[in-house]
Structure formats: structure tokens, C-alpha cells
C-alpha atoms as a PDB file:
ATOM      1  CA  MET A   1     -73.505 -48.285 -13.198  1.00  0.00           C
ATOM      2  CA  THR A   2     -74.031 -45.855 -10.382  1.00  0.00           C
ATOM      3  CA  GLN A   3     -71.726 -47.940  -8.230  1.00  0.00           C
ATOM      4  CA  SER A   4     -68.985 -46.104  -6.419  1.00  0.00           C
ATOM      5  CA  ARG A   5     -65.643 -47.383  -7.680  1.00  0.00           C
ATOM      6  CA  PRO A   6     -62.373 -47.180  -5.780  1.00  0.00           C
ATOM      7  CA  VAL A   7     -60.136 -44.287  -6.808  1.00  0.00           C
ATOM      8  CA  TYR A   8     -57.329 -46.593  -7.968  1.00  0.00           C
ATOM      9  CA  LEU A   9     -59.724 -48.254 -10.432  1.00  0.00           C
ATOM     10  CA  LYS A  10     -60.840 -44.875 -11.755  1.00  0.00           C
ATOM     11  CA  LEU A  11     -57.184 -43.927 -12.235  1.00  0.00           C
ATOM     12  CA  ARG A  12     -56.542 -47.273 -13.885  1.00  0.00           C
ATOM     13  CA  ASP A  13     -59.405 -46.603 -16.316  1.00  0.00           C
ATOM     14  CA  GLN A  14     -58.015 -43.144 -17.134  1.00  0.00           C
ATOM     15  CA  ILE A  15     -54.538 -44.527 -17.795  1.00  0.00           C
ATOM     16  CA  ALA A  16     -55.962 -47.392 -19.871  1.00  0.00           C
ATOM     17  CA  ALA A  17     -57.953 -44.911 -21.970  1.00  0.00           C
ATOM     18  CA  ALA A  18     -54.806 -42.815 -22.487  1.00  0.00           C
ATOM     19  CA  ILE A  19     -52.885 -45.895 -23.651  1.00  0.00           C
ATOM     20  CA  ILE A  20     -55.693 -46.931 -26.024  1.00  0.00           C
ATOM     21  CA  GLN A  21     -55.975 -43.394 -27.428  1.00  0.00           C
ATOM     22  CA  GLY A  22     -52.220 -43.199 -28.000  1.00  0.00           C
ATOM     23  CA  ASP A  23     -51.496 -40.554 -25.380  1.00  0.00           C
ATOM     24  CA  TYR A  24     -49.034 -43.107 -23.978  1.00  0.00           C
ATOM     25  CA  PRO A  25     -47.982 -45.106 -27.046  1.00  0.00           C
ATOM     26  CA  GLU A  26     -46.109 -48.387 -26.891  1.00  0.00           C
ATOM     27  CA  GLY A  27     -42.596 -47.747 -25.632  1.00  0.00           C
ATOM     28  CA  ALA A  28     -43.588 -44.476 -23.962  1.00  0.00           C
ATOM     29  CA  MET A  29     -42.778 -43.804 -20.350  1.00  0.00           C
ATOM     30  CA  LEU A  30     -45.718 -43.267 -18.008  1.00  0.00           C
ATOM     31  CA  PRO A  31     -45.610 -40.288 -15.638  1.00  0.00           C
ATOM     32  CA  SER A  32     -43.953 -41.026 -12.324  1.00  0.00           C
ATOM     33  CA  VAL A  33     -46.193 -42.017  -9.435  1.00  0.00           C
ATOM     34  CA  ARG A  34     -45.559 -38.669  -7.749  1.00  0.00           C
ATOM     35  CA  ALA A  35     -46.187 -36.649 -10.918  1.00  0.00           C
ATOM     36  CA  LEU A  36     -49.471 -38.408 -11.694  1.00  0.00           C
ATOM     37  CA  ALA A  37     -50.571 -38.166  -8.062  1.00  0.00           C
ATOM     38  CA  ALA A  38     -49.937 -34.416  -8.075  1.00  0.00           C
ATOM     39  CA  GLU A  39     -51.706 -34.002 -11.433  1.00  0.00           C
ATOM     40  CA  GLN A  40     -54.757 -35.989 -10.297  1.00  0.00           C
ATOM     41  CA  GLY A  41     -54.829 -34.754  -6.707  1.00  0.00           C
ATOM     42  CA  ALA A  42     -54.509 -38.355  -5.560  1.00  0.00           C
ATOM     43  CA  ASN A  43     -52.485 -40.139  -2.930  1.00  0.00           C
ATOM     44  CA  PRO A  44     -49.237 -41.548  -4.380  1.00  0.00           C
ATOM     45  CA  LEU A  45     -50.071 -44.951  -2.853  1.00  0.00           C
ATOM     46  CA  THR A  46     -53.336 -44.957  -4.822  1.00  0.00           C
ATOM     47  CA  VAL A  47     -51.480 -44.227  -8.064  1.00  0.00           C
ATOM     48  CA  ALA A  48     -48.927 -46.919  -7.227  1.00  0.00           C
ATOM     49  CA  LYS A  49     -51.767 -49.416  -6.756  1.00  0.00           C
ATOM     50  CA  ALA A  50     -53.208 -48.524 -10.189  1.00  0.00           C
ATOM     51  CA  TYR A  51     -49.770 -48.855 -11.793  1.00  0.00           C
ATOM     52  CA  GLN A  52     -49.230 -52.181 -10.040  1.00  0.00           C
ATOM     53  CA  GLN A  53     -52.278 -53.605 -11.821  1.00  0.00           C
ATOM     54  CA  PHE A  54     -50.780 -52.682 -15.196  1.00  0.00           C
ATOM     55  CA  GLN A  55     -47.516 -54.303 -14.174  1.00  0.00           C
ATOM     56  CA  ASN A  56     -49.291 -57.458 -12.959  1.00  0.00           C
ATOM     57  CA  ASP A  57     -51.194 -57.637 -16.254  1.00  0.00           C
ATOM     58  CA  GLY A  58     -47.950 -57.346 -18.233  1.00  0.00           C
ATOM     59  CA  LEU A  59     -49.003 -54.077 -19.868  1.00  0.00           C
ATOM     60  CA  VAL A  60     -46.047 -52.069 -18.578  1.00  0.00           C
ATOM     61  CA  GLU A  61     -42.499 -52.881 -17.656  1.00  0.00           C
ATOM     62  CA  VAL A  62     -40.409 -51.221 -14.998  1.00  0.00           C
ATOM     63  CA  GLN A  63     -36.855 -50.165 -15.571  1.00  0.00           C
ATOM     64  CA  ARG A  64     -35.464 -49.660 -12.089  1.00  0.00           C
ATOM     65  CA  GLY A  65     -34.373 -46.114 -11.466  1.00  0.00           C
ATOM     66  CA  VAL A  66     -35.681 -44.997 -14.851  1.00  0.00           C
ATOM     67  CA  GLY A  67     -39.443 -45.440 -15.066  1.00  0.00           C
ATOM     68  CA  MET A  68     -42.388 -47.488 -16.231  1.00  0.00           C
ATOM     69  CA  TYR A  69     -42.899 -48.094 -19.956  1.00  0.00           C
ATOM     70  CA  VAL A  70     -45.890 -49.237 -22.016  1.00  0.00           C
ATOM     71  CA  VAL A  71     -45.106 -52.620 -23.620  1.00  0.00           C
ATOM     72  CA  ASP A  72     -45.738 -53.575 -27.246  1.00  0.00           C
ATOM     73  CA  GLY A  73     -49.303 -54.754 -27.773  1.00  0.00           C
ATOM     74  CA  ALA A  74     -50.658 -53.067 -24.636  1.00  0.00           C
ATOM     75  CA  ALA A  75     -53.114 -50.809 -26.482  1.00  0.00           C
ATOM     76  CA  GLU A  76     -54.685 -53.661 -28.436  1.00  0.00           C
ATOM     77  CA  LEU A  77     -54.899 -55.895 -25.378  1.00  0.00           C
ATOM     78  CA  LEU A  78     -56.558 -53.106 -23.380  1.00  0.00           C
ATOM     79  CA  ARG A  79     -58.919 -52.333 -26.267  1.00  0.00           C
ATOM     80  CA  GLN A  80     -60.009 -55.980 -26.436  1.00  0.00           C
ATOM     81  CA  ARG A  81     -60.521 -56.156 -22.672  1.00  0.00           C
ATOM     82  CA  GLU A  82     -62.555 -52.943 -22.705  1.00  0.00           C
ATOM     83  CA  ARG A  83     -64.715 -54.323 -25.546  1.00  0.00           C
ATOM     84  CA  ASP A  84     -65.318 -57.517 -23.610  1.00  0.00           C
ATOM     85  CA  VAL A  85     -66.325 -55.617 -20.462  1.00  0.00           C
ATOM     86  CA  PHE A  86     -68.590 -53.312 -22.473  1.00  0.00           C
ATOM     87  CA  LEU A  87     -70.360 -56.176 -24.208  1.00  0.00           C
ATOM     88  CA  ARG A  88     -70.691 -58.254 -21.041  1.00  0.00           C
ATOM     89  CA  GLU A  89     -71.548 -55.576 -18.474  1.00  0.00           C
ATOM     90  CA  GLU A  90     -72.649 -52.319 -20.085  1.00  0.00           C
ATOM     91  CA  TRP A  91     -74.329 -53.261 -23.363  1.00  0.00           C
ATOM     92  CA  PRO A  92     -77.103 -55.373 -21.806  1.00  0.00           C
ATOM     93  CA  GLU A  93     -78.161 -52.381 -19.681  1.00  0.00           C
ATOM     94  CA  ILE A  94     -78.015 -50.028 -22.653  1.00  0.00           C
ATOM     95  CA  ARG A  95     -79.963 -52.457 -24.843  1.00  0.00           C
ATOM     96  CA  ALA A  96     -82.632 -52.864 -22.146  1.00  0.00           C
ATOM     97  CA  ARG A  97     -82.956 -49.091 -21.754  1.00  0.00           C
ATOM     98  CA  MET A  98     -83.231 -48.649 -25.515  1.00  0.00           C
ATOM     99  CA  ALA A  99     -86.042 -51.217 -25.549  1.00  0.00           C
ATOM    100  CA  ARG A 100     -87.863 -49.393 -22.728  1.00  0.00           C
ATOM    101  CA  LEU A 101     -87.579 -46.126 -24.649  1.00  0.00           C
ATOM    102  CA  GLY A 102     -88.552 -47.680 -27.969  1.00  0.00           C
ATOM    103  CA  LEU A 103     -85.229 -46.816 -29.610  1.00  0.00           C
ATOM    104  CA  SER A 104     -83.657 -48.834 -32.399  1.00  0.00           C
ATOM    105  CA  PRO A 105     -79.991 -48.794 -33.467  1.00  0.00           C
ATOM    106  CA  ALA A 106     -81.113 -46.869 -36.553  1.00  0.00           C
ATOM    107  CA  ASP A 107     -82.530 -44.137 -34.273  1.00  0.00           C
ATOM    108  CA  LEU A 108     -79.061 -43.708 -32.796  1.00  0.00           C
ATOM    109  CA  THR A 109     -77.192 -43.600 -36.085  1.00  0.00           C
ATOM    110  CA  GLU A 110     -79.589 -41.013 -37.486  1.00  0.00           C
ATOM    111  CA  ARG A 111     -78.585 -38.587 -34.738  1.00  0.00           C
ATOM    112  CA  THR A 112     -74.827 -38.798 -35.180  1.00  0.00           C
END
């Protein structure tokens, strides 16, 4: 997981997390490309590319001249996709590291 990821994917992950957490609830308007670019110190084209992925995935809808809105069901769909990625890509590495360190799930729950 030390891979270098493109900036637009990092932005996409941040926006997805904000949608899942309710910072951008269903029906809410996302910040404009320029506003988010300024906030993140990113190139507007990079932000536009991240937003385009959400549009392609049907998670946002564009109202021309108005803005981009989070569609109904977007948070749950993103949550499910994030779970799937975690279980497929991240969990096996975590489980292997836990085994190397001799940690059990109970060891983790005792510390929380």
C-alpha cells in the first residue's frame, strides 16, 4: 500500500469519504471544480477528472449552469464498494501482518 496514487484518485477518495460520512449528503451540491481545486491546492483539471468518475459511476448528476449533486443511494453504494475493496485488497495484508506479529482480533478489540 505504499504505491503512489494519482492525485485525482486521492481526491476521489476524499470526496467519496465525505459522501459516506454525510458531509455531502444525498441531494447536496458538491463544491465547484474551481472551489475544490483552490481548497485542495490542486489543478482544476485534476478535480474535474475526479468528478468525472463520480458522474460516470452515476453517483452525481450535473445540472448545467447550476452544479453537481449527490444522487440518492450514493453513500450506500460507495460504502459497499469501499467494503469490497477493503476486503479484497487491504484485509489480506492486514491479516498477514497480524499473523506475523502474533495478534488476534481479540487483541485489537481489547485496545479500543
